[in-house]
Amino acid sequence: MAHCTEAVWGMLSLMVMTSLGGSSDDIGLLPRFLKDVPNITVTVGRDALLPCTVEQLRGFKVAWVQVDTQTILTIHKQVITRNPRIALLHNDHRSWHLELKNVKESDRGWYMCQVNTDPMRFKQGYVDVVVPPDIIDKDSSGDITVREGQDVTLTCRAEGHPPPNITWRREDNKDIILHNNQRGRTTGRPYQGTPDSQPSLYGLTNNNNHSEDRNAPPGHEEDENEARGGHHRGWTHGLGNKAKTVEGGTLLLKKVSRLQMGSYLCIASNGVPPSISKRAHLKVQFPPMTWVPQQLEGAYPGQEEMTIECQTEAFPKSINYWTGPNGEMIVPGPKFEPLVVETAYKVEMRLKIRDVETQDFGTYRCVAKNSLGETDGSIRVYAITPPNFDLSSGVTEVSGEGSGEVGGARVGHSTATPPYKQDHEKGHSPIYEYPLEGMQDFEGTGGGVTFQPSPSFLVVVLLGLGLAVGRL
């Protein structure tokens, strides 16, 4: 192959020498190159200049040849090729510069500046035509919709010179979850009882009004950053490997969860500006889930207003509404004001109740429906003692079953009901419902309420009086 190439260049040199009539009798006065022809790098579409400076040219002639295609481009001051993008810049008898305009990829290769001496003298340089990256749409992923728990493969193909590198990252700059093989469980069971039993503050309900503490869907566990008050909300999230960026043309997401929903950017770069990116939006579908942060809410007749709230998650977007104690759908009005705050697939539902009345007590439900399912969460609103109630009277208004009524509230049996923590920031009034240890059953007697103290209760009272007298 080398001998063949030498023979070809020998024939080309002889042709040039014959046509130009050069002589090489005086070896000491032969032409010489002042500098090498440099290797240059040029971006496609730009212009390139290959310099060639020769001294002592005398009667010899200079020619430019494209080596890879064995094409003679110029001889002396004439442009031989029919390529209109080729030009020769000749300022004096020393400078013979080859100009390539609007460079194309086909111009990449070796170029030779030669003098028709015998043997031929030459210098050659390489023109590297670089091309910015370009993503091949037909071979790259677009928007994808899957069910939660399925595997997803995102692909991205790009071309350019040099070959581009592919990098994946999330558009929201969150970490990419590479794999997840841990499963979590909710903390506690959703509360479905009465005010006399201790509620779980973090319950999860899903699928046709059923509420249970069950295994999370594959790959879906809530990140601790999503937790409220130090508790996991819904599913706990045990993450596997996480990374801001992932290299390679293929991104595999195993058992995707709703936390992985969002836009992923495929970024192609090869050092030639500009880099280019393509967005692939991943949608993860799942049936609605509800979470009730406070499942018991106390209020008293005449209270100006109160607010109950419920959190839901669903995709596709769910239809959300409230039902009242009688099961009727609540519509906005002077009495009720439903409020909705949406963030991605999460919805915060609030219901403001104004001018609380006795008939407002009962169980309210927040309902969420989409094409994949339906769920609801329950919140019980019950009567409590008004803030200005006189505790010195020894009468405590409680809600529950029993005989007798006081001020419109039911009076029943006294039980060891702990004072439920109220959220004062939400405007809820504190509960003044404290059981008196040793107190016997309340008895409704028509016009009032009486109670019979037990012997142990009298002993406690007498001891207290004795201590008070002793201090005096």
Protein backbone atom coordinates (compact mmCIF):
# COMPACT_ATOMS: atom_id res chain seq x y z
CA MET A 1 0.00 0.00 0.00
CA ALA A 2 2.83 2.39 0.89
CA HIS A 3 4.62 1.65 -2.41
CA CYS A 4 1.41 2.28 -4.32
CA THR A 5 0.97 5.63 -2.59
CA GLU A 6 4.57 6.65 -3.32
CA ALA A 7 4.10 5.72 -6.97
CA VAL A 8 0.93 7.79 -7.19
CA TRP A 9 2.62 10.85 -5.67
CA GLY A 10 5.64 10.34 -7.92
CA MET A 11 3.40 10.38 -10.97
CA LEU A 12 1.57 13.48 -9.68
CA SER A 13 4.86 15.24 -9.02
CA LEU A 14 6.14 14.34 -12.50
CA MET A 15 2.92 15.60 -14.05
CA VAL A 16 3.20 18.90 -12.21
CA MET A 17 6.91 19.26 -13.02
CA THR A 18 6.34 18.46 -16.68
CA SER A 19 3.49 20.91 -17.00
CA LEU A 20 5.32 23.67 -15.15
CA GLY A 21 8.82 23.02 -16.51
CA GLY A 22 10.74 23.20 -13.22
CA SER A 23 14.51 22.58 -12.90
CA SER A 24 16.58 21.23 -10.01
CA ASP A 25 20.17 21.54 -11.34
CA ASP A 26 21.43 23.77 -8.54
CA ILE A 27 20.84 21.84 -5.34
CA GLY A 28 21.95 24.72 -3.10
CA LEU A 29 19.32 27.01 -4.52
CA LEU A 30 16.35 24.63 -4.23
CA PRO A 31 13.12 25.98 -2.71
CA ARG A 32 12.61 25.43 1.00
CA PHE A 33 9.60 25.69 3.33
CA LEU A 34 9.88 28.26 6.11
CA LYS A 35 7.28 26.53 8.30
CA ASP A 36 5.31 23.32 8.46
CA VAL A 37 1.74 23.31 7.30
CA PRO A 38 -0.16 23.17 10.62
CA ASN A 39 -2.87 20.80 11.69
CA ILE A 40 -6.02 22.82 12.26
CA THR A 41 -9.43 22.18 13.78
CA VAL A 42 -12.43 24.03 12.41
CA THR A 43 -16.13 23.86 13.18
CA VAL A 44 -18.38 22.86 10.33
CA GLY A 45 -19.69 25.92 8.49
CA ARG A 46 -16.68 28.08 9.36
CA ASP A 47 -13.73 29.05 7.12
CA ALA A 48 -10.27 27.48 7.35
CA LEU A 49 -6.86 28.71 6.18
CA LEU A 50 -3.86 26.46 5.50
CA PRO A 51 -0.67 28.56 5.23
CA CYS A 52 2.28 27.55 3.06
CA THR A 53 5.40 29.77 2.77
CA VAL A 54 8.23 28.86 0.38
CA GLU A 55 11.56 30.65 -0.16
CA GLN A 56 13.89 30.53 -3.18
CA LEU A 57 11.05 29.34 -5.38
CA ARG A 58 12.68 30.83 -8.54
CA GLY A 59 11.13 29.03 -11.52
CA PHE A 60 9.52 26.25 -9.52
CA LYS A 61 5.79 26.10 -8.95
CA VAL A 62 3.63 25.38 -5.89
CA ALA A 63 0.58 23.10 -5.92
CA TRP A 64 -2.04 22.11 -3.32
CA VAL A 65 -3.37 18.56 -3.25
CA GLN A 66 -6.13 16.96 -1.13
CA VAL A 67 -4.40 13.75 -0.15
CA ASP A 68 -7.37 11.57 0.82
CA THR A 69 -9.14 12.05 -2.51
CA GLN A 70 -5.93 12.55 -4.54
CA THR A 71 -7.39 15.75 -5.95
CA ILE A 72 -5.19 18.56 -7.30
CA LEU A 73 -6.71 21.79 -5.98
CA THR A 74 -4.34 24.52 -7.22
CA ILE A 75 -1.25 24.85 -9.42
CA HIS A 76 0.74 28.05 -9.15
CA LYS A 77 -1.81 30.87 -9.23
CA GLN A 78 -4.62 28.84 -10.77
CA VAL A 79 -7.43 27.03 -8.90
CA ILE A 80 -7.87 23.72 -10.68
CA THR A 81 -10.79 22.21 -8.76
CA ARG A 82 -14.33 23.20 -9.60
CA ASN A 83 -15.20 23.45 -5.94
CA PRO A 84 -16.31 27.10 -5.47
CA ARG A 85 -15.39 26.97 -1.78
CA ILE A 86 -11.64 26.60 -2.57
CA ALA A 87 -9.53 29.72 -2.97
CA LEU A 88 -5.80 30.52 -3.14
CA LEU A 89 -4.39 33.53 -1.28
CA HIS A 90 -1.14 34.66 -2.94
CA ASN A 91 0.42 37.90 -1.72
CA ASP A 92 3.96 37.60 -3.03
CA HIS A 93 6.30 34.97 -4.43
CA ARG A 94 6.58 33.34 -0.97
CA SER A 95 3.00 32.95 0.35
CA TRP A 96 0.69 30.28 -1.04
CA HIS A 97 -2.24 29.92 1.40
CA LEU A 98 -5.16 27.59 0.76
CA GLU A 99 -8.56 28.85 1.94
CA LEU A 100 -11.53 26.52 2.57
CA LYS A 101 -14.81 28.39 2.85
CA ASN A 102 -17.94 27.14 4.64
CA VAL A 103 -16.18 23.94 5.65
CA LYS A 104 -18.08 20.66 5.35
CA GLU A 105 -17.42 17.26 6.88
CA SER A 106 -16.21 16.04 3.49
CA ASP A 107 -13.31 18.51 3.77
CA ARG A 108 -11.85 16.59 6.71
CA GLY A 109 -8.44 15.05 5.90
CA TRP A 110 -4.82 15.70 4.89
CA TYR A 111 -3.76 18.56 2.59
CA MET A 112 -0.34 18.80 0.91
CA CYS A 113 1.58 21.87 -0.22
CA GLN A 114 4.18 20.63 -2.71
CA VAL A 115 6.90 22.08 -4.95
CA ASN A 116 7.68 20.42 -8.27
CA THR A 117 11.31 19.69 -7.52
CA ASP A 118 12.92 16.32 -8.24
CA PRO A 119 12.44 14.66 -5.86
CA MET A 120 9.25 16.44 -4.86
CA ARG A 121 9.36 18.57 -1.72
CA PHE A 122 6.20 18.95 0.35
CA LYS A 123 4.60 19.78 3.69
CA GLN A 124 1.19 18.53 4.77
CA GLY A 125 -1.30 19.34 7.49
CA TYR A 126 -4.53 17.83 8.75
CA VAL A 127 -7.90 19.59 8.74
CA ASP A 128 -10.23 18.24 11.42
CA VAL A 129 -13.81 19.35 10.89
CA VAL A 130 -15.71 19.14 14.17
CA VAL A 131 -19.50 19.03 14.34
CA PRO A 132 -21.65 20.07 17.32
CA PRO A 133 -23.83 17.31 18.77
CA ASP A 134 -27.30 16.71 17.45
CA ILE A 135 -29.85 14.40 19.07
CA ILE A 136 -31.56 11.89 16.80
CA ASP A 137 -35.22 12.28 17.74
CA LYS A 138 -36.45 9.05 16.15
CA ASP A 139 -33.97 7.03 18.23
CA SER A 140 -34.57 8.90 21.52
CA SER A 141 -37.32 8.67 24.13
CA GLY A 142 -40.11 11.19 24.34
CA ASP A 143 -42.84 11.46 26.98
CA ILE A 144 -43.62 8.15 28.70
CA THR A 145 -46.57 7.12 30.88
CA VAL A 146 -46.36 3.97 33.04
CA ARG A 147 -48.03 2.45 36.09
CA GLU A 148 -46.27 2.67 39.41
CA GLY A 149 -43.99 -0.34 39.99
CA GLN A 150 -43.09 -0.89 36.33
CA ASP A 151 -39.59 -0.65 34.85
CA VAL A 152 -38.75 2.22 32.51
CA THR A 153 -35.92 2.57 30.00
CA LEU A 154 -35.10 6.00 28.62
CA THR A 155 -32.86 6.13 25.54
CA CYS A 156 -30.98 8.95 23.87
CA ARG A 157 -28.96 8.83 20.64
CA ALA A 158 -26.82 11.68 19.30
CA GLU A 159 -24.45 12.29 16.42
CA GLY A 160 -21.54 14.69 15.94
CA HIS A 161 -17.76 14.76 15.63
CA PRO A 162 -16.16 13.80 17.87
CA PRO A 163 -18.86 11.36 19.03
CA PRO A 164 -20.93 13.05 21.76
CA ASN A 165 -21.14 11.98 25.38
CA ILE A 166 -24.65 11.52 26.81
CA THR A 167 -25.51 12.73 30.32
CA TRP A 168 -28.87 12.38 32.09
CA ARG A 169 -30.17 14.65 34.83
CA ARG A 170 -33.53 15.70 36.21
CA GLU A 171 -34.86 19.05 35.08
CA ASP A 172 -35.82 19.94 38.67
CA ASN A 173 -32.22 19.13 39.74
CA LYS A 174 -33.35 16.38 42.13
CA ASP A 175 -31.36 13.16 42.45
CA ILE A 176 -31.96 10.34 39.99
CA ILE A 177 -32.94 7.14 41.80
CA LEU A 178 -31.00 4.43 40.02
CA HIS A 179 -32.53 1.41 41.71
CA ASN A 180 -34.61 0.63 44.77
CA ASN A 181 -34.94 -2.79 46.36
CA GLN A 182 -36.23 -1.76 49.79
CA ARG A 183 -39.83 -1.71 50.87
CA GLY A 184 -41.37 0.33 53.66
CA ARG A 185 -44.44 0.29 55.81
CA THR A 186 -46.61 3.03 57.22
CA THR A 187 -46.28 3.93 60.90
CA GLY A 188 -49.46 3.03 62.72
CA ARG A 189 -52.95 2.36 61.40
CA PRO A 190 -55.42 4.97 60.18
CA TYR A 191 -57.72 5.98 63.02
CA GLN A 192 -61.32 4.86 62.57
CA GLY A 193 -62.48 4.87 66.19
CA THR A 194 -64.14 7.23 68.64
CA PRO A 195 -62.79 10.11 70.74
CA ASP A 196 -62.36 7.64 73.61
CA SER A 197 -59.57 5.80 71.81
CA GLN A 198 -56.14 7.17 70.95
CA PRO A 199 -55.87 8.11 67.26
CA SER A 200 -52.91 7.51 64.98
CA LEU A 201 -51.92 10.88 63.57
CA TYR A 202 -50.43 9.47 60.37
CA GLY A 203 -52.76 7.08 58.60
CA LEU A 204 -52.99 6.06 54.95
CA THR A 205 -56.15 5.07 53.16
CA ASN A 206 -56.56 3.77 49.65
CA ASN A 207 -58.75 1.79 47.28
CA ASN A 208 -62.48 1.86 47.76
CA ASN A 209 -62.64 3.27 51.26
CA HIS A 210 -60.50 0.54 52.80
CA SER A 211 -57.89 1.66 55.33
CA GLU A 212 -55.03 -0.56 56.32
CA ASP A 213 -51.37 -0.70 57.18
CA ARG A 214 -49.89 -2.62 54.29
CA ASN A 215 -46.75 -3.02 52.24
CA ALA A 216 -45.86 -0.17 49.94
CA PRO A 217 -46.12 -0.58 46.18
CA PRO A 218 -42.82 -1.75 44.70
CA GLY A 219 -40.31 1.04 44.67
CA HIS A 220 -42.53 3.59 46.38
CA GLU A 221 -41.56 4.75 49.80
CA GLU A 222 -41.72 8.37 50.88
CA ASP A 223 -38.47 10.25 51.40
CA GLU A 224 -37.84 11.58 54.88
CA ASN A 225 -37.60 15.03 53.39
CA GLU A 226 -41.30 14.70 52.65
CA ALA A 227 -42.05 13.83 56.27
CA ARG A 228 -43.95 16.19 58.54
CA GLY A 229 -43.11 16.66 62.16
CA GLY A 230 -40.47 13.96 62.06
CA HIS A 231 -42.92 11.26 60.93
CA HIS A 232 -42.99 9.54 57.56
CA ARG A 233 -45.96 10.59 55.49
CA GLY A 234 -47.58 7.64 53.76
CA TRP A 235 -45.01 5.21 52.43
CA THR A 236 -41.50 5.44 53.83
CA HIS A 237 -38.84 5.69 51.15
CA GLY A 238 -35.76 3.47 51.32
CA LEU A 239 -33.63 4.80 48.49
CA GLY A 240 -30.97 2.88 46.65
CA ASN A 241 -28.19 4.60 44.72
CA LYS A 242 -28.81 8.23 43.93
CA ALA A 243 -26.93 10.55 41.60
CA LYS A 244 -27.31 14.04 40.19
CA THR A 245 -26.21 12.85 36.74
CA VAL A 246 -25.94 9.51 34.95
CA GLU A 247 -23.66 8.87 31.97
CA GLY A 248 -24.66 6.80 28.97
CA GLY A 249 -27.26 6.65 26.22
CA THR A 250 -29.63 4.46 28.26
CA LEU A 251 -31.19 5.27 31.63
CA LEU A 252 -32.85 2.33 33.38
CA LEU A 253 -35.31 3.06 36.19
CA LYS A 254 -36.39 -0.05 38.09
CA LYS A 255 -39.86 -0.27 39.63
CA VAL A 256 -40.59 3.42 39.31
CA SER A 257 -42.49 5.28 41.99
CA ARG A 258 -44.30 8.59 41.99
CA LEU A 259 -41.16 10.19 43.43
CA GLN A 260 -39.45 9.56 40.10
CA MET A 261 -42.13 11.36 38.13
CA GLY A 262 -40.87 14.42 36.28
CA SER A 263 -38.82 15.60 33.32
CA TYR A 264 -35.46 14.00 32.53
CA LEU A 265 -32.96 15.80 30.33
CA CYS A 266 -30.71 13.96 27.89
CA ILE A 267 -27.71 16.25 27.33
CA ALA A 268 -25.32 15.58 24.43
CA SER A 269 -21.91 17.27 24.40
CA ASN A 270 -18.60 16.71 22.64
CA GLY A 271 -16.65 19.86 23.45
CA VAL A 272 -17.98 21.65 20.38
CA PRO A 273 -20.50 24.29 21.36
CA PRO A 274 -23.35 24.32 21.69
CA SER A 275 -24.40 21.29 23.70
CA ILE A 276 -27.94 20.13 23.05
CA SER A 277 -30.61 18.54 25.23
CA LYS A 278 -33.90 16.73 24.84
CA ARG A 279 -36.62 16.42 27.46
CA ALA A 280 -38.36 13.16 28.27
CA HIS A 281 -41.25 13.57 30.69
CA LEU A 282 -42.03 10.53 32.83
CA LYS A 283 -45.59 10.21 34.12
CA VAL A 284 -46.27 7.60 36.79
CA GLN A 285 -49.90 6.63 37.26
CA PHE A 286 -51.34 5.40 40.55
CA PRO A 287 -54.74 5.35 42.27
CA PRO A 288 -55.62 7.99 44.87
CA MET A 289 -54.30 7.82 48.42
CA THR A 290 -55.36 9.96 51.36
CA TRP A 291 -53.63 11.06 54.54
CA VAL A 292 -55.41 12.78 57.40
CA PRO A 293 -53.02 14.62 59.74
CA GLN A 294 -55.69 15.28 62.41
CA GLN A 295 -58.54 12.77 62.49
CA LEU A 296 -60.28 14.27 65.52
CA GLU A 297 -61.24 17.93 65.70
CA GLY A 298 -63.03 19.54 68.62
CA ALA A 299 -65.36 22.53 68.37
CA TYR A 300 -68.14 24.12 70.41
CA PRO A 301 -71.50 25.54 69.36
CA GLY A 302 -71.15 29.19 68.49
CA GLN A 303 -67.47 28.92 67.49
CA GLU A 304 -66.79 31.50 64.78
CA GLU A 305 -64.99 29.10 62.44
CA MET A 306 -62.86 25.95 62.27
CA THR A 307 -60.82 24.23 59.56
CA ILE A 308 -60.28 20.55 58.86
CA GLU A 309 -57.77 19.27 56.33
CA CYS A 310 -56.84 16.22 54.30
CA GLN A 311 -53.92 15.34 52.00
CA THR A 312 -54.33 13.30 48.81
CA GLU A 313 -52.01 11.96 46.13
CA ALA A 314 -53.11 10.71 42.73
CA PHE A 315 -52.15 10.59 39.07
CA PRO A 316 -53.93 11.13 36.74
CA LYS A 317 -55.27 14.18 38.53
CA SER A 318 -58.10 13.29 40.87
CA ILE A 319 -61.52 14.81 41.46
CA ASN A 320 -61.64 15.98 45.08
CA TYR A 321 -64.63 16.93 47.22
CA TRP A 322 -65.98 16.82 50.78
CA THR A 323 -69.05 15.08 52.23
CA GLY A 324 -70.81 16.13 55.42
CA PRO A 325 -72.08 14.21 58.46
CA ASN A 326 -75.16 13.06 56.56
CA GLY A 327 -73.18 11.92 53.54
CA GLU A 328 -74.19 14.87 51.38
CA MET A 329 -71.66 16.51 49.05
CA ILE A 330 -70.58 19.87 50.43
CA VAL A 331 -70.87 22.83 48.08
CA PRO A 332 -69.22 26.22 48.65
CA GLY A 333 -71.35 28.80 50.41
CA PRO A 334 -71.58 31.05 53.45
CA LYS A 335 -71.43 28.00 55.73
CA PHE A 336 -68.69 25.92 54.07
CA GLU A 337 -65.62 27.03 52.14
CA PRO A 338 -63.61 24.21 50.48
CA LEU A 339 -60.01 25.15 49.67
CA VAL A 340 -57.62 23.20 47.41
CA VAL A 341 -53.83 23.63 47.03
CA GLU A 342 -52.26 21.54 44.25
CA THR A 343 -48.57 20.69 43.92
CA ALA A 344 -47.71 18.20 41.17
CA TYR A 345 -49.60 15.02 42.05
CA LYS A 346 -50.32 16.16 45.63
CA VAL A 347 -53.47 17.96 46.73
CA GLU A 348 -54.05 19.62 50.09
CA MET A 349 -57.79 19.78 50.83
CA ARG A 350 -59.15 22.10 53.50
CA LEU A 351 -62.70 22.72 54.63
CA LYS A 352 -63.54 25.86 56.56
CA ILE A 353 -66.72 25.62 58.67
CA ARG A 354 -68.21 28.92 59.87
CA ASP A 355 -70.58 29.57 62.78
CA VAL A 356 -70.37 26.05 64.22
CA GLU A 357 -73.72 24.59 65.25
CA THR A 358 -74.75 21.35 66.93
CA GLN A 359 -75.78 19.83 63.61
CA ASP A 360 -72.25 20.41 62.28
CA PHE A 361 -70.82 17.72 64.58
CA GLY A 362 -70.19 14.35 62.99
CA THR A 363 -67.91 12.65 60.47
CA TYR A 364 -66.67 14.48 57.39
CA ARG A 365 -65.00 12.70 54.51
CA CYS A 366 -62.50 13.95 51.94
CA VAL A 367 -62.99 12.00 48.71
CA ALA A 368 -60.52 11.59 45.82
CA LYS A 369 -61.33 9.80 42.54
CA ASN A 370 -59.47 9.18 39.31
CA SER A 371 -59.63 6.63 36.50
CA LEU A 372 -57.61 4.11 38.53
CA GLY A 373 -59.56 4.13 41.78
CA GLU A 374 -61.24 5.97 44.60
CA THR A 375 -60.46 6.60 48.26
CA ASP A 376 -61.50 8.80 51.15
CA GLY A 377 -60.34 9.89 54.58
CA SER A 378 -62.55 10.62 57.59
CA ILE A 379 -62.37 13.40 60.15
CA ARG A 380 -64.65 13.48 63.17
CA VAL A 381 -65.77 16.84 64.52
CA TYR A 382 -67.11 16.59 68.08
CA ALA A 383 -68.33 18.93 70.79
CA ILE A 384 -66.01 20.38 73.42
CA THR A 385 -66.42 22.77 76.34
CA PRO A 386 -66.44 26.45 75.33
CA PRO A 387 -63.39 28.44 76.49
CA ASN A 388 -65.50 30.58 78.87
CA PHE A 389 -67.14 27.61 80.59
CA ASP A 390 -67.01 27.87 84.42
CA LEU A 391 -65.15 24.80 85.62
CA SER A 392 -65.87 25.70 89.24
CA SER A 393 -69.44 24.49 88.77
CA GLY A 394 -68.12 20.93 88.54
CA VAL A 395 -70.06 20.31 85.35
CA THR A 396 -68.27 19.10 82.25
CA GLU A 397 -69.91 18.88 78.86
CA VAL A 398 -68.86 15.76 76.95
CA SER A 399 -69.89 14.20 73.69
CA GLY A 400 -71.03 10.63 73.55
CA GLU A 401 -74.01 8.48 74.31
CA GLY A 402 -75.87 8.88 77.56
CA SER A 403 -78.83 10.57 79.15
CA GLY A 404 -79.41 14.28 79.76
CA GLU A 405 -78.31 17.40 77.88
CA VAL A 406 -76.54 20.56 79.01
CA GLY A 407 -76.39 23.63 76.77
CA GLY A 408 -77.28 21.54 73.71
CA ALA A 409 -74.41 19.06 74.22
CA ARG A 410 -74.94 15.45 75.14
CA VAL A 411 -73.99 14.48 78.69
CA GLY A 412 -73.01 10.84 79.11
CA HIS A 413 -70.75 8.65 81.16
CA SER A 414 -67.45 10.06 82.37
CA THR A 415 -64.53 8.10 80.96
CA ALA A 416 -60.76 8.40 81.19
CA THR A 417 -60.51 10.36 77.94
CA PRO A 418 -57.11 12.05 77.60
CA PRO A 419 -57.03 15.71 76.57
CA TYR A 420 -56.43 15.59 72.83
CA LYS A 421 -53.76 17.86 71.55
CA GLN A 422 -55.24 20.71 69.55
CA ASP A 423 -53.53 22.79 66.91
CA HIS A 424 -53.79 26.34 68.23
CA GLU A 425 -52.22 27.73 65.08
CA LYS A 426 -55.32 26.63 63.17
CA GLY A 427 -57.64 28.52 65.48
CA HIS A 428 -58.94 25.48 67.32
CA SER A 429 -59.92 26.08 70.92
CA PRO A 430 -58.32 23.96 73.66
CA ILE A 431 -60.29 21.08 75.15
CA TYR A 432 -61.45 21.51 78.72
CA GLU A 433 -62.57 17.94 79.11
CA TYR A 434 -60.63 16.44 82.00
CA PRO A 435 -62.01 13.39 83.88
CA LEU A 436 -62.26 13.65 87.66
CA GLU A 437 -60.76 10.52 89.13
CA GLY A 438 -63.16 8.78 91.53
CA MET A 439 -66.23 10.54 90.12
CA GLN A 440 -69.33 8.37 89.76
CA ASP A 441 -71.68 8.34 86.81
CA PHE A 442 -73.41 11.54 85.84
CA GLU A 443 -77.13 11.45 86.32
CA GLY A 444 -79.46 13.64 84.30
CA THR A 445 -82.24 14.94 86.54
CA GLY A 446 -84.44 17.04 84.37
CA GLY A 447 -83.51 20.57 85.35
CA GLY A 448 -79.81 20.01 86.12
CA VAL A 449 -76.90 17.66 86.57
CA THR A 450 -75.75 16.08 89.85
CA PHE A 451 -73.08 13.59 90.82
CA GLN A 452 -72.35 11.39 93.80
CA PRO A 453 -68.73 11.48 95.00
CA SER A 454 -67.14 8.17 95.93
CA PRO A 455 -65.44 7.66 99.34
CA SER A 456 -61.98 7.79 97.74
CA PHE A 457 -62.87 11.13 96.16
CA LEU A 458 -63.92 12.53 99.61
CA VAL A 459 -60.66 11.34 101.16
CA VAL A 460 -58.67 13.19 98.50
CA VAL A 461 -60.69 16.36 99.08
CA LEU A 462 -60.25 16.20 102.89
CA LEU A 463 -56.51 15.61 102.59
CA GLY A 464 -56.30 18.63 100.32
CA LEU A 465 -58.18 20.80 102.78
CA GLY A 466 -55.94 19.60 105.61
CA LEU A 467 -52.80 20.54 103.71
CA ALA A 468 -54.23 23.96 102.93
CA VAL A 469 -55.12 24.63 106.64
CA GLY A 470 -51.67 23.45 107.73
CA ARG A 471 -50.00 25.97 105.44
CA LEU A 472 -52.08 28.77 106.94
